[in-house]
Structures are given as C-alpha cells and as structure tokens.
Protein backbone atom coordinates (compact mmCIF):
# COMPACT_ATOMS: atom_id res chain seq x y z
CA MET A 1 -20.68 9.13 -21.70
CA GLY A 2 -19.46 7.19 -18.63
CA ALA A 3 -21.40 4.82 -16.45
CA MET A 4 -23.91 6.25 -14.02
CA ILE A 5 -22.91 6.35 -10.37
CA SER A 6 -25.42 5.23 -7.77
CA ASP A 7 -26.49 7.35 -4.81
CA ARG A 8 -24.66 4.95 -2.50
CA GLU A 9 -21.44 5.24 -4.52
CA LEU A 10 -21.76 9.03 -4.62
CA SER A 11 -22.32 9.15 -0.87
CA GLY A 12 -19.26 6.97 -0.31
CA LEU A 13 -17.17 9.17 -2.58
CA ARG A 14 -18.26 12.31 -0.74
CA THR A 15 -17.48 10.67 2.60
CA GLU A 16 -13.98 9.75 1.43
CA TYR A 17 -13.28 13.25 0.10
CA CYS A 18 -14.53 14.87 3.31
CA ALA A 19 -12.32 12.58 5.40
CA LEU A 20 -9.34 13.40 3.20
CA LEU A 21 -9.96 17.14 3.34
CA SER A 22 -10.41 16.98 7.13
CA ARG A 23 -7.11 15.15 7.50
CA LEU A 24 -5.31 17.67 5.30
CA PHE A 25 -6.87 20.55 7.22
CA LEU A 26 -5.83 19.19 10.60
CA THR A 27 -2.27 18.15 9.86
CA GLU A 28 0.48 18.40 7.28
CA ALA A 29 0.51 15.59 4.73
CA ASP A 30 3.25 13.13 5.63
CA ALA A 31 5.04 10.78 3.23
CA GLU A 32 2.56 7.97 3.92
CA LEU A 33 -0.46 10.12 3.02
CA MET A 34 1.24 11.49 -0.09
CA GLY A 35 1.96 7.92 -1.19
CA VAL A 36 -1.71 7.03 -0.76
CA LEU A 37 -2.80 10.13 -2.67
CA LEU A 38 -0.43 9.49 -5.56
CA LYS A 39 -1.42 5.83 -5.93
CA ASP A 40 -3.68 5.51 -8.99
CA VAL A 41 -3.89 9.31 -9.29
CA ARG A 42 -4.49 9.14 -13.04
CA ALA A 43 -7.39 6.72 -12.54
CA ARG A 44 -8.89 9.09 -9.96
CA ALA A 45 -8.62 11.98 -12.41
CA ARG A 46 -10.36 10.00 -15.15
CA ALA A 47 -13.07 8.75 -12.79
CA SER A 48 -13.95 12.22 -11.55
CA GLU A 49 -13.76 14.02 -14.91
CA GLU A 50 -17.47 13.89 -15.79
CA MET A 51 -18.84 14.44 -12.30
CA ALA A 52 -16.35 17.05 -11.05
CA PRO A 53 -13.93 18.47 -13.64
CA SER A 54 -12.23 20.74 -11.10
CA ILE A 55 -11.48 17.78 -8.84
CA ALA A 56 -10.16 15.86 -11.85
CA GLU A 57 -7.84 18.77 -12.61
CA GLY A 58 -6.62 18.76 -9.00
CA TRP A 59 -5.80 15.04 -9.24
CA ARG A 60 -3.90 15.66 -12.47
CA GLN A 61 -1.90 18.46 -10.87
CA LEU A 62 -1.13 16.31 -7.85
CA GLY A 63 0.18 13.64 -10.20
CA GLU A 64 2.66 16.14 -11.62
CA ILE A 65 4.48 16.51 -8.29
C-alpha cells in the first residue's frame, strides 16, 4: 500500500486537476500544454493509481500518444 496523502496535498491535487480541466475546456491544447502534460506522465499514472484508477488509466493513455 502506498503512502497516505494529507488533506492539504489532496486539496492541492484537486486544484491542479480542476485548473487543467478548465484550461482544456476553454481552449484547444497547444504544443506547450501537451509537452507539460506528457512530462513525467508515467509517474503521474503511478501516483494516482491507488486514489483514482480511472485517472491513472487516462494518464497511461495520454502517454501512448
């Protein structure tokens, strides 16, 4: 079992995901954003596996692009 995540860390993670989803909703992802998303994509998938398996799967699929 992985390390526990604190409420503050969870809140920060949710804030980052909401900001990302808002940006993707408002405008098409440009090359700069795609580069940011693909950086460390495997680490993101591993980190989210326990807490949110569907998000982890999304990160893995994004890494296959």
